[in-house]
Amino acid sequence: MTIRVSGKHMEVGESLSDHAQVAINEIVKKYMGHVLESHVVFSKDHHNFLADVQVHISHHFVVNCHGKDSDPYKALSEALNKLEIRIKKYKNRLQARKRGAEKVDFIEISKYIIEDSHDDHEKETPVTIAELNTPIETLTVSEAVMRLEVTDYPMLVFKSAVHKRFNVVYKRPDGNIGWMDLKAD
């Protein structure tokens, strides 16, 4: 597994980089055995350090976790605690699904990634949009909710395993999860 550690507008020391690599390796070996790659990005936000951890479990599944603290090691620790909880939850649900599930189907669609600049002094910078082909999996609603929780994305589009229609689960502003069953009239 490849683990990349980098800093955004800051230098990451060898000690912090080694600590991140060892910690991620331990979590991955404990719960998954093997993943494709991982990337840790450290950045500074006023008086705090941000640690963003991204683990590619498979070609179609990525786990994102974030930590924030005045100490970069504590920020990493917070992100890794979230990573461990999400991977453990994913593994448990995956094992339950394997006991009686059918094969997962994929449909390719285009996905747009929109990122805004985090720099306060660059207010007039245009938004960056990337277009990618993304698979749409056939899932149950509970599996889609699990994926939404683990990936830390704001929404997930999937094909319902029950009705064979497109559905959307999303994180609501109040913290709950919304579900839309898209029906054509």
N, C-alpha and C. Protein backbone atom coordinates (compact mmCIF):
# COMPACT_ATOMS: atom_id res chain seq x y z
N MET A 1 0.85 -1.17 0.00
CA MET A 1 0.00 0.00 0.00
C MET A 1 0.89 1.24 0.00
N THR A 2 0.53 2.20 -0.81
CA THR A 2 1.24 3.47 -0.88
C THR A 2 0.58 4.46 0.07
N ILE A 3 1.37 5.05 0.95
CA ILE A 3 0.87 6.09 1.86
C ILE A 3 1.66 7.36 1.58
N ARG A 4 0.95 8.40 1.12
CA ARG A 4 1.58 9.69 0.85
C ARG A 4 1.21 10.65 1.97
N VAL A 5 2.20 11.36 2.47
CA VAL A 5 1.98 12.38 3.50
C VAL A 5 2.53 13.69 2.95
N SER A 6 1.69 14.72 2.95
CA SER A 6 2.12 16.01 2.41
C SER A 6 1.52 17.14 3.22
N GLY A 7 2.02 18.33 2.97
CA GLY A 7 1.52 19.52 3.64
C GLY A 7 1.03 20.53 2.63
N LYS A 8 -0.05 21.20 2.97
CA LYS A 8 -0.60 22.24 2.11
C LYS A 8 -0.17 23.58 2.68
N HIS A 9 0.73 24.25 1.99
CA HIS A 9 1.30 25.53 2.43
C HIS A 9 2.05 25.40 3.75
N MET A 10 2.62 24.21 4.00
CA MET A 10 3.43 23.99 5.20
C MET A 10 4.35 22.80 4.96
N GLU A 11 5.40 22.73 5.72
CA GLU A 11 6.36 21.63 5.63
C GLU A 11 6.00 20.58 6.68
N VAL A 12 5.94 19.31 6.27
CA VAL A 12 5.65 18.21 7.19
C VAL A 12 6.98 17.54 7.53
N GLY A 13 7.28 17.47 8.80
CA GLY A 13 8.54 16.86 9.23
C GLY A 13 8.55 15.35 9.06
N GLU A 14 9.74 14.79 9.09
CA GLU A 14 9.89 13.34 8.90
C GLU A 14 9.24 12.55 10.03
N SER A 15 9.32 13.07 11.25
CA SER A 15 8.74 12.39 12.41
C SER A 15 7.21 12.29 12.27
N LEU A 16 6.57 13.39 11.91
CA LEU A 16 5.11 13.39 11.73
C LEU A 16 4.71 12.50 10.57
N SER A 17 5.47 12.54 9.49
CA SER A 17 5.19 11.70 8.33
C SER A 17 5.30 10.22 8.68
N ASP A 18 6.37 9.85 9.38
CA ASP A 18 6.55 8.45 9.79
C ASP A 18 5.44 8.00 10.73
N HIS A 19 5.07 8.88 11.67
CA HIS A 19 3.99 8.56 12.61
C HIS A 19 2.68 8.30 11.87
N ALA A 20 2.35 9.13 10.90
CA ALA A 20 1.12 8.95 10.12
C ALA A 20 1.15 7.64 9.35
N GLN A 21 2.27 7.32 8.71
CA GLN A 21 2.38 6.09 7.93
C GLN A 21 2.23 4.85 8.80
N VAL A 22 2.89 4.83 9.94
CA VAL A 22 2.81 3.68 10.85
C VAL A 22 1.39 3.51 11.38
N ALA A 23 0.76 4.60 11.78
CA ALA A 23 -0.60 4.53 12.35
C ALA A 23 -1.61 4.04 11.31
N ILE A 24 -1.53 4.54 10.09
CA ILE A 24 -2.46 4.10 9.05
C ILE A 24 -2.23 2.63 8.72
N ASN A 25 -0.97 2.21 8.64
CA ASN A 25 -0.67 0.80 8.38
C ASN A 25 -1.28 -0.10 9.44
N GLU A 26 -1.19 0.29 10.71
CA GLU A 26 -1.74 -0.51 11.80
C GLU A 26 -3.26 -0.65 11.67
N ILE A 27 -3.94 0.45 11.39
CA ILE A 27 -5.40 0.41 11.26
C ILE A 27 -5.81 -0.45 10.08
N VAL A 28 -5.14 -0.27 8.95
CA VAL A 28 -5.49 -1.03 7.75
C VAL A 28 -5.24 -2.52 7.95
N LYS A 29 -4.11 -2.89 8.53
CA LYS A 29 -3.80 -4.31 8.77
C LYS A 29 -4.79 -4.93 9.74
N LYS A 30 -5.21 -4.16 10.74
CA LYS A 30 -6.12 -4.67 11.76
C LYS A 30 -7.50 -4.99 11.19
N TYR A 31 -8.01 -4.14 10.30
CA TYR A 31 -9.39 -4.29 9.84
C TYR A 31 -9.55 -4.75 8.39
N MET A 32 -8.67 -4.33 7.50
CA MET A 32 -8.89 -4.61 6.08
C MET A 32 -7.86 -5.55 5.47
N GLY A 33 -6.68 -5.62 6.00
CA GLY A 33 -5.64 -6.44 5.40
C GLY A 33 -4.89 -5.70 4.32
N HIS A 34 -5.62 -5.14 3.35
CA HIS A 34 -4.97 -4.44 2.24
C HIS A 34 -5.93 -3.39 1.68
N VAL A 35 -5.37 -2.24 1.33
CA VAL A 35 -6.10 -1.20 0.60
C VAL A 35 -5.20 -0.72 -0.53
N LEU A 36 -5.76 0.03 -1.46
CA LEU A 36 -4.99 0.47 -2.62
C LEU A 36 -3.96 1.53 -2.27
N GLU A 37 -4.41 2.63 -1.67
CA GLU A 37 -3.49 3.70 -1.31
C GLU A 37 -4.12 4.60 -0.26
N SER A 38 -3.29 5.46 0.31
CA SER A 38 -3.77 6.40 1.31
C SER A 38 -3.01 7.71 1.15
N HIS A 39 -3.68 8.80 1.51
CA HIS A 39 -3.06 10.12 1.40
C HIS A 39 -3.44 10.93 2.63
N VAL A 40 -2.44 11.52 3.27
CA VAL A 40 -2.65 12.38 4.43
C VAL A 40 -2.15 13.78 4.06
N VAL A 41 -3.00 14.78 4.26
CA VAL A 41 -2.63 16.16 3.97
C VAL A 41 -2.79 16.99 5.24
N PHE A 42 -1.71 17.65 5.63
CA PHE A 42 -1.74 18.56 6.77
C PHE A 42 -1.81 19.98 6.25
N SER A 43 -2.61 20.81 6.92
CA SER A 43 -2.69 22.22 6.57
C SER A 43 -2.89 23.02 7.85
N LYS A 44 -2.71 24.31 7.74
CA LYS A 44 -2.84 25.21 8.89
C LYS A 44 -4.05 26.09 8.68
N ASP A 45 -4.91 26.20 9.70
CA ASP A 45 -6.09 27.05 9.66
C ASP A 45 -6.05 27.94 10.90
N HIS A 46 -5.60 29.16 10.72
CA HIS A 46 -5.41 30.11 11.81
C HIS A 46 -4.47 29.51 12.86
N HIS A 47 -4.97 29.15 14.03
CA HIS A 47 -4.13 28.61 15.10
C HIS A 47 -4.21 27.09 15.18
N ASN A 48 -4.93 26.47 14.29
CA ASN A 48 -5.12 25.02 14.33
C ASN A 48 -4.48 24.34 13.14
N PHE A 49 -4.17 23.07 13.33
CA PHE A 49 -3.70 22.22 12.24
C PHE A 49 -4.87 21.34 11.81
N LEU A 50 -4.99 21.12 10.52
CA LEU A 50 -6.00 20.23 9.97
C LEU A 50 -5.30 19.01 9.40
N ALA A 51 -5.82 17.83 9.68
CA ALA A 51 -5.30 16.59 9.13
C ALA A 51 -6.43 15.94 8.33
N ASP A 52 -6.24 15.81 7.03
CA ASP A 52 -7.22 15.17 6.15
C ASP A 52 -6.64 13.83 5.71
N VAL A 53 -7.32 12.74 6.06
CA VAL A 53 -6.87 11.39 5.73
C VAL A 53 -7.84 10.81 4.71
N GLN A 54 -7.29 10.28 3.63
CA GLN A 54 -8.10 9.67 2.57
C GLN A 54 -7.53 8.28 2.30
N VAL A 55 -8.37 7.24 2.43
CA VAL A 55 -7.94 5.86 2.21
C VAL A 55 -8.79 5.27 1.09
N HIS A 56 -8.12 4.79 0.04
CA HIS A 56 -8.80 4.14 -1.09
C HIS A 56 -8.88 2.65 -0.78
N ILE A 57 -10.06 2.20 -0.31
CA ILE A 57 -10.24 0.80 0.04
C ILE A 57 -10.36 -0.06 -1.22
N SER A 58 -11.06 0.44 -2.21
CA SER A 58 -11.18 -0.25 -3.50
C SER A 58 -11.25 0.82 -4.58
N HIS A 59 -11.39 0.38 -5.83
CA HIS A 59 -11.44 1.35 -6.93
C HIS A 59 -12.66 2.26 -6.84
N HIS A 60 -13.72 1.82 -6.19
CA HIS A 60 -14.96 2.59 -6.14
C HIS A 60 -15.32 3.06 -4.74
N PHE A 61 -14.40 2.92 -3.78
CA PHE A 61 -14.76 3.23 -2.41
C PHE A 61 -13.60 3.92 -1.69
N VAL A 62 -13.87 5.13 -1.21
CA VAL A 62 -12.86 5.95 -0.54
C VAL A 62 -13.40 6.39 0.81
N VAL A 63 -12.57 6.30 1.85
CA VAL A 63 -12.94 6.77 3.18
C VAL A 63 -12.17 8.06 3.46
N ASN A 64 -12.90 9.12 3.82
CA ASN A 64 -12.31 10.43 4.13
C ASN A 64 -12.55 10.75 5.60
N CYS A 65 -11.51 11.22 6.29
CA CYS A 65 -11.63 11.62 7.69
C CYS A 65 -10.83 12.89 7.92
N HIS A 66 -11.31 13.70 8.86
CA HIS A 66 -10.67 14.99 9.13
C HIS A 66 -10.46 15.15 10.63
N GLY A 67 -9.36 15.77 10.99
CA GLY A 67 -9.07 16.09 12.38
C GLY A 67 -8.58 17.52 12.49
N LYS A 68 -8.86 18.16 13.62
CA LYS A 68 -8.47 19.57 13.80
C LYS A 68 -8.04 19.76 15.25
N ASP A 69 -6.84 20.33 15.43
CA ASP A 69 -6.34 20.61 16.77
C ASP A 69 -5.18 21.60 16.67
N SER A 70 -4.79 22.16 17.80
CA SER A 70 -3.66 23.09 17.79
C SER A 70 -2.33 22.36 17.64
N ASP A 71 -2.33 21.04 17.87
CA ASP A 71 -1.15 20.20 17.71
C ASP A 71 -1.36 19.27 16.51
N PRO A 72 -0.41 19.19 15.57
CA PRO A 72 -0.63 18.35 14.38
C PRO A 72 -0.77 16.87 14.72
N TYR A 73 -0.09 16.39 15.77
CA TYR A 73 -0.20 14.98 16.17
C TYR A 73 -1.60 14.68 16.70
N LYS A 74 -2.17 15.62 17.46
CA LYS A 74 -3.53 15.43 17.98
C LYS A 74 -4.56 15.53 16.86
N ALA A 75 -4.33 16.40 15.89
CA ALA A 75 -5.22 16.50 14.73
C ALA A 75 -5.20 15.19 13.95
N LEU A 76 -4.01 14.62 13.76
CA LEU A 76 -3.90 13.32 13.08
C LEU A 76 -4.58 12.23 13.89
N SER A 77 -4.39 12.24 15.19
CA SER A 77 -5.01 11.24 16.07
C SER A 77 -6.53 11.30 15.97
N GLU A 78 -7.09 12.49 15.94
CA GLU A 78 -8.55 12.65 15.80
C GLU A 78 -9.03 12.08 14.47
N ALA A 79 -8.31 12.38 13.40
CA ALA A 79 -8.68 11.86 12.07
C ALA A 79 -8.55 10.34 12.03
N LEU A 80 -7.50 9.79 12.65
CA LEU A 80 -7.30 8.34 12.63
C LEU A 80 -8.34 7.62 13.49
N ASN A 81 -8.79 8.24 14.58
CA ASN A 81 -9.87 7.65 15.38
C ASN A 81 -11.14 7.53 14.55
N LYS A 82 -11.46 8.58 13.79
CA LYS A 82 -12.63 8.55 12.91
C LYS A 82 -12.44 7.49 11.83
N LEU A 83 -11.22 7.39 11.28
CA LEU A 83 -10.93 6.39 10.25
C LEU A 83 -11.16 4.99 10.78
N GLU A 84 -10.66 4.72 11.97
CA GLU A 84 -10.81 3.38 12.56
C GLU A 84 -12.28 3.04 12.78
N ILE A 85 -13.05 3.98 13.28
CA ILE A 85 -14.48 3.75 13.51
C ILE A 85 -15.19 3.47 12.20
N ARG A 86 -14.90 4.25 11.16
CA ARG A 86 -15.57 4.09 9.87
C ARG A 86 -15.17 2.79 9.19
N ILE A 87 -13.89 2.42 9.24
CA ILE A 87 -13.47 1.17 8.61
C ILE A 87 -14.04 -0.02 9.36
N LYS A 88 -14.09 0.05 10.69
CA LYS A 88 -14.68 -1.04 11.48
C LYS A 88 -16.16 -1.20 11.14
N LYS A 89 -16.87 -0.08 11.06
CA LYS A 89 -18.29 -0.11 10.71
C LYS A 89 -18.49 -0.67 9.30
N TYR A 90 -17.65 -0.24 8.36
CA TYR A 90 -17.73 -0.72 6.98
C TYR A 90 -17.47 -2.22 6.93
N LYS A 91 -16.45 -2.70 7.63
CA LYS A 91 -16.11 -4.12 7.59
C LYS A 91 -17.24 -4.96 8.19
N ASN A 92 -17.81 -4.52 9.30
CA ASN A 92 -18.92 -5.26 9.92
C ASN A 92 -20.12 -5.34 8.99
N ARG A 93 -20.47 -4.24 8.36
CA ARG A 93 -21.61 -4.24 7.45
C ARG A 93 -21.32 -5.03 6.19
N LEU A 94 -20.07 -5.00 5.73
CA LEU A 94 -19.68 -5.75 4.55
C LEU A 94 -19.78 -7.25 4.83
N GLN A 95 -19.35 -7.68 6.01
CA GLN A 95 -19.45 -9.09 6.38
C GLN A 95 -20.91 -9.52 6.48
N ALA A 96 -21.76 -8.67 7.04
CA ALA A 96 -23.19 -9.00 7.13
C ALA A 96 -23.81 -9.07 5.75
N ARG A 97 -23.37 -8.21 4.85
CA ARG A 97 -23.91 -8.19 3.49
C ARG A 97 -23.48 -9.43 2.71
N LYS A 98 -22.25 -9.90 2.93
CA LYS A 98 -21.74 -11.06 2.20
C LYS A 98 -22.49 -12.34 2.55
N ARG A 99 -23.09 -12.38 3.72
CA ARG A 99 -23.79 -13.59 4.14
C ARG A 99 -24.98 -13.93 3.27
N GLY A 100 -25.65 -12.92 2.69
CA GLY A 100 -26.83 -13.23 1.90
C GLY A 100 -27.10 -12.24 0.80
N ALA A 101 -26.09 -11.67 0.23
CA ALA A 101 -26.30 -10.62 -0.77
C ALA A 101 -26.05 -11.15 -2.17
N GLU A 102 -26.62 -10.42 -3.12
CA GLU A 102 -26.40 -10.74 -4.52
C GLU A 102 -25.29 -9.86 -5.07
N LYS A 103 -24.90 -10.13 -6.30
CA LYS A 103 -23.82 -9.40 -6.95
C LYS A 103 -24.21 -7.94 -7.16
N VAL A 104 -23.24 -7.04 -6.98
CA VAL A 104 -23.45 -5.60 -7.14
C VAL A 104 -23.27 -5.22 -8.60
N ASP A 105 -24.23 -4.46 -9.16
CA ASP A 105 -24.13 -3.96 -10.52
C ASP A 105 -23.63 -2.52 -10.50
N PHE A 106 -22.91 -2.13 -11.56
CA PHE A 106 -22.41 -0.77 -11.69
C PHE A 106 -22.93 -0.15 -12.97
N ILE A 107 -23.21 1.15 -12.91
CA ILE A 107 -23.57 1.94 -14.08
C ILE A 107 -22.63 3.14 -14.07
N GLU A 108 -22.06 3.49 -15.22
CA GLU A 108 -21.15 4.63 -15.29
C GLU A 108 -21.94 5.92 -15.53
N ILE A 109 -21.62 6.98 -14.76
CA ILE A 109 -22.20 8.31 -14.97
C ILE A 109 -21.09 9.33 -14.84
N SER A 110 -21.38 10.57 -15.17
CA SER A 110 -20.41 11.64 -14.98
C SER A 110 -20.58 12.24 -13.60
N LYS A 111 -19.48 12.56 -12.96
CA LYS A 111 -19.50 13.17 -11.63
C LYS A 111 -18.73 14.48 -11.72
N TYR A 112 -19.27 15.51 -11.11
CA TYR A 112 -18.61 16.81 -11.09
C TYR A 112 -18.11 17.08 -9.68
N ILE A 113 -16.84 17.44 -9.57
CA ILE A 113 -16.25 17.78 -8.29
C ILE A 113 -16.06 19.29 -8.26
N ILE A 114 -16.65 19.91 -7.26
CA ILE A 114 -16.55 21.37 -7.14
C ILE A 114 -15.77 21.67 -5.88
N GLU A 115 -14.69 22.42 -6.03
CA GLU A 115 -13.87 22.81 -4.90
C GLU A 115 -13.77 24.32 -4.88
N ASP A 116 -13.95 24.91 -3.70
CA ASP A 116 -13.72 26.34 -3.61
C ASP A 116 -12.40 26.57 -2.88
N SER A 117 -11.85 27.73 -3.07
CA SER A 117 -10.55 28.05 -2.47
C SER A 117 -10.73 28.27 -0.99
N HIS A 118 -9.82 27.75 -0.18
CA HIS A 118 -9.87 27.94 1.26
C HIS A 118 -9.10 29.18 1.69
N ASP A 119 -8.43 29.84 0.76
CA ASP A 119 -7.66 31.03 1.08
C ASP A 119 -8.59 32.24 1.14
N ASP A 120 -8.57 32.94 2.28
CA ASP A 120 -9.45 34.10 2.46
C ASP A 120 -9.06 35.27 1.57
N HIS A 121 -7.77 35.38 1.20
CA HIS A 121 -7.32 36.51 0.41
C HIS A 121 -7.62 36.32 -1.08
N GLU A 122 -8.12 35.18 -1.48
CA GLU A 122 -8.43 34.93 -2.89
C GLU A 122 -9.95 34.81 -3.09
N LYS A 123 -10.69 35.83 -2.72
CA LYS A 123 -12.14 35.80 -2.81
C LYS A 123 -12.66 35.75 -4.24
N GLU A 124 -11.92 36.29 -5.20
CA GLU A 124 -12.37 36.37 -6.59
C GLU A 124 -11.93 35.17 -7.43
N THR A 125 -11.35 34.14 -6.82
CA THR A 125 -10.90 32.97 -7.56
C THR A 125 -12.10 32.17 -8.05
N PRO A 126 -12.13 31.77 -9.33
CA PRO A 126 -13.26 30.99 -9.82
C PRO A 126 -13.27 29.58 -9.23
N VAL A 127 -14.43 28.96 -9.22
CA VAL A 127 -14.61 27.62 -8.69
C VAL A 127 -14.01 26.61 -9.68
N THR A 128 -13.35 25.58 -9.15
CA THR A 128 -12.76 24.52 -9.97
C THR A 128 -13.75 23.38 -10.09
N ILE A 129 -14.03 22.95 -11.31
CA ILE A 129 -14.96 21.86 -11.55
C ILE A 129 -14.24 20.78 -12.35
N ALA A 130 -14.31 19.53 -11.88
CA ALA A 130 -13.71 18.41 -12.60
C ALA A 130 -14.82 17.43 -12.96
N GLU A 131 -14.78 16.91 -14.17
CA GLU A 131 -15.78 15.95 -14.62
C GLU A 131 -15.13 14.58 -14.71
N LEU A 132 -15.71 13.60 -14.03
CA LEU A 132 -15.18 12.24 -14.00
C LEU A 132 -16.30 11.24 -14.27
N ASN A 133 -15.97 10.09 -14.81
CA ASN A 133 -16.94 9.01 -14.91
C ASN A 133 -16.93 8.26 -13.59
N THR A 134 -18.10 8.08 -13.02
CA THR A 134 -18.23 7.47 -11.71
C THR A 134 -19.24 6.34 -11.77
N PRO A 135 -18.94 5.20 -11.15
CA PRO A 135 -19.91 4.10 -11.16
C PRO A 135 -21.06 4.36 -10.19
N ILE A 136 -22.25 3.95 -10.60
CA ILE A 136 -23.42 3.98 -9.73
C ILE A 136 -23.68 2.54 -9.32
N GLU A 137 -23.61 2.27 -8.03
CA GLU A 137 -23.77 0.90 -7.55
C GLU A 137 -25.23 0.60 -7.25
N THR A 138 -25.58 -0.67 -7.34
CA THR A 138 -26.89 -1.15 -6.92
C THR A 138 -26.76 -1.52 -5.45
N LEU A 139 -27.49 -0.79 -4.60
CA LEU A 139 -27.39 -0.95 -3.15
C LEU A 139 -28.77 -0.91 -2.52
N THR A 140 -28.87 -1.41 -1.29
CA THR A 140 -30.07 -1.18 -0.50
C THR A 140 -29.90 0.20 0.15
N VAL A 141 -30.97 0.72 0.70
CA VAL A 141 -30.91 2.04 1.33
C VAL A 141 -29.95 2.01 2.53
N SER A 142 -30.00 0.94 3.32
CA SER A 142 -29.11 0.87 4.48
C SER A 142 -27.64 0.79 4.06
N GLU A 143 -27.34 0.09 2.97
CA GLU A 143 -25.97 0.04 2.47
C GLU A 143 -25.53 1.41 1.97
N ALA A 144 -26.43 2.13 1.32
CA ALA A 144 -26.11 3.47 0.83
C ALA A 144 -25.85 4.43 1.99
N VAL A 145 -26.65 4.33 3.04
CA VAL A 145 -26.45 5.18 4.23
C VAL A 145 -25.09 4.86 4.86
N MET A 146 -24.74 3.58 4.93
CA MET A 146 -23.44 3.19 5.46
C MET A 146 -22.32 3.79 4.63
N ARG A 147 -22.44 3.72 3.30
CA ARG A 147 -21.43 4.31 2.41
C ARG A 147 -21.33 5.82 2.62
N LEU A 148 -22.47 6.47 2.78
CA LEU A 148 -22.48 7.92 3.00
C LEU A 148 -21.76 8.27 4.29
N GLU A 149 -22.02 7.52 5.35
CA GLU A 149 -21.38 7.78 6.64
C GLU A 149 -19.87 7.53 6.58
N VAL A 150 -19.46 6.49 5.90
CA VAL A 150 -18.05 6.12 5.86
C VAL A 150 -17.25 7.05 4.97
N THR A 151 -17.80 7.46 3.83
CA THR A 151 -17.04 8.27 2.88
C THR A 151 -16.99 9.74 3.25
N ASP A 152 -17.90 10.22 4.07
CA ASP A 152 -17.93 11.62 4.47
C ASP A 152 -18.30 12.55 3.32
N TYR A 153 -18.96 12.02 2.29
CA TYR A 153 -19.46 12.85 1.20
C TYR A 153 -20.81 13.43 1.60
N PRO A 154 -21.24 14.55 1.03
CA PRO A 154 -22.53 15.12 1.40
C PRO A 154 -23.72 14.37 0.81
N MET A 155 -23.50 13.61 -0.28
CA MET A 155 -24.61 12.87 -0.89
C MET A 155 -24.07 11.66 -1.65
N LEU A 156 -24.98 10.70 -1.94
CA LEU A 156 -24.62 9.51 -2.69
C LEU A 156 -25.79 9.12 -3.58
N VAL A 157 -25.52 8.93 -4.86
CA VAL A 157 -26.53 8.46 -5.82
C VAL A 157 -26.31 6.97 -6.00
N PHE A 158 -27.39 6.18 -5.97
CA PHE A 158 -27.29 4.74 -6.14
C PHE A 158 -28.55 4.21 -6.81
N LYS A 159 -28.46 2.98 -7.30
CA LYS A 159 -29.62 2.31 -7.89
C LYS A 159 -30.18 1.38 -6.83
N SER A 160 -31.46 1.49 -6.56
CA SER A 160 -32.10 0.70 -5.51
C SER A 160 -32.09 -0.78 -5.88
N ALA A 161 -31.64 -1.62 -4.95
CA ALA A 161 -31.63 -3.06 -5.16
C ALA A 161 -33.06 -3.62 -5.15
N VAL A 162 -33.98 -2.90 -4.52
CA VAL A 162 -35.36 -3.37 -4.41
C VAL A 162 -36.20 -2.94 -5.62
N HIS A 163 -36.19 -1.62 -5.93
CA HIS A 163 -37.07 -1.09 -6.97
C HIS A 163 -36.38 -0.88 -8.31
N LYS A 164 -35.05 -1.00 -8.34
CA LYS A 164 -34.25 -0.80 -9.57
C LYS A 164 -34.37 0.63 -10.10
N ARG A 165 -34.66 1.61 -9.22
CA ARG A 165 -34.72 3.02 -9.61
C ARG A 165 -33.55 3.75 -8.96
N PHE A 166 -33.23 4.93 -9.51
CA PHE A 166 -32.18 5.73 -8.92
C PHE A 166 -32.68 6.38 -7.64
N ASN A 167 -31.83 6.39 -6.63
CA ASN A 167 -32.12 6.97 -5.33
C ASN A 167 -30.96 7.86 -4.92
N VAL A 168 -31.23 8.77 -3.98
CA VAL A 168 -30.20 9.65 -3.44
C VAL A 168 -30.33 9.66 -1.92
N VAL A 169 -29.22 9.48 -1.23
CA VAL A 169 -29.18 9.73 0.22
C VAL A 169 -28.24 10.91 0.42
N TYR A 170 -28.57 11.77 1.38
CA TYR A 170 -27.79 12.99 1.57
C TYR A 170 -27.81 13.40 3.04
N LYS A 171 -26.80 14.17 3.43
CA LYS A 171 -26.73 14.68 4.79
C LYS A 171 -27.48 15.99 4.86
N ARG A 172 -28.46 16.05 5.75
CA ARG A 172 -29.26 17.26 5.93
C ARG A 172 -28.54 18.23 6.86
N PRO A 173 -28.87 19.52 6.77
CA PRO A 173 -28.21 20.51 7.64
C PRO A 173 -28.42 20.24 9.14
N ASP A 174 -29.52 19.55 9.50
CA ASP A 174 -29.77 19.26 10.91
C ASP A 174 -29.01 18.03 11.41
N GLY A 175 -28.20 17.40 10.53
CA GLY A 175 -27.39 16.25 10.92
C GLY A 175 -28.01 14.91 10.59
N ASN A 176 -29.29 14.89 10.25
CA ASN A 176 -29.95 13.65 9.88
C ASN A 176 -29.63 13.31 8.43
N ILE A 177 -30.06 12.13 8.00
CA ILE A 177 -29.82 11.70 6.62
C ILE A 177 -31.16 11.67 5.89
N GLY A 178 -31.18 12.30 4.71
CA GLY A 178 -32.37 12.31 3.87
C GLY A 178 -32.26 11.26 2.78
N TRP A 179 -33.42 10.81 2.27
CA TRP A 179 -33.45 9.78 1.23
C TRP A 179 -34.48 10.19 0.19
N MET A 180 -34.08 10.17 -1.08
CA MET A 180 -34.99 10.47 -2.18
C MET A 180 -35.07 9.26 -3.09
N ASP A 181 -36.30 8.79 -3.34
CA ASP A 181 -36.55 7.72 -4.31
C ASP A 181 -37.05 8.41 -5.57
N LEU A 182 -36.23 8.45 -6.62
CA LEU A 182 -36.54 9.20 -7.83
C LEU A 182 -37.44 8.37 -8.74
N LYS A 183 -38.67 8.83 -8.91
CA LYS A 183 -39.64 8.14 -9.76
C LYS A 183 -39.93 9.00 -10.97
N ALA A 184 -40.00 8.39 -12.14
CA ALA A 184 -40.37 9.11 -13.36
C ALA A 184 -41.89 9.07 -13.51
N ASP A 185 -42.50 10.22 -13.82
CA ASP A 185 -43.96 10.27 -14.00
C ASP A 185 -44.33 10.00 -15.42
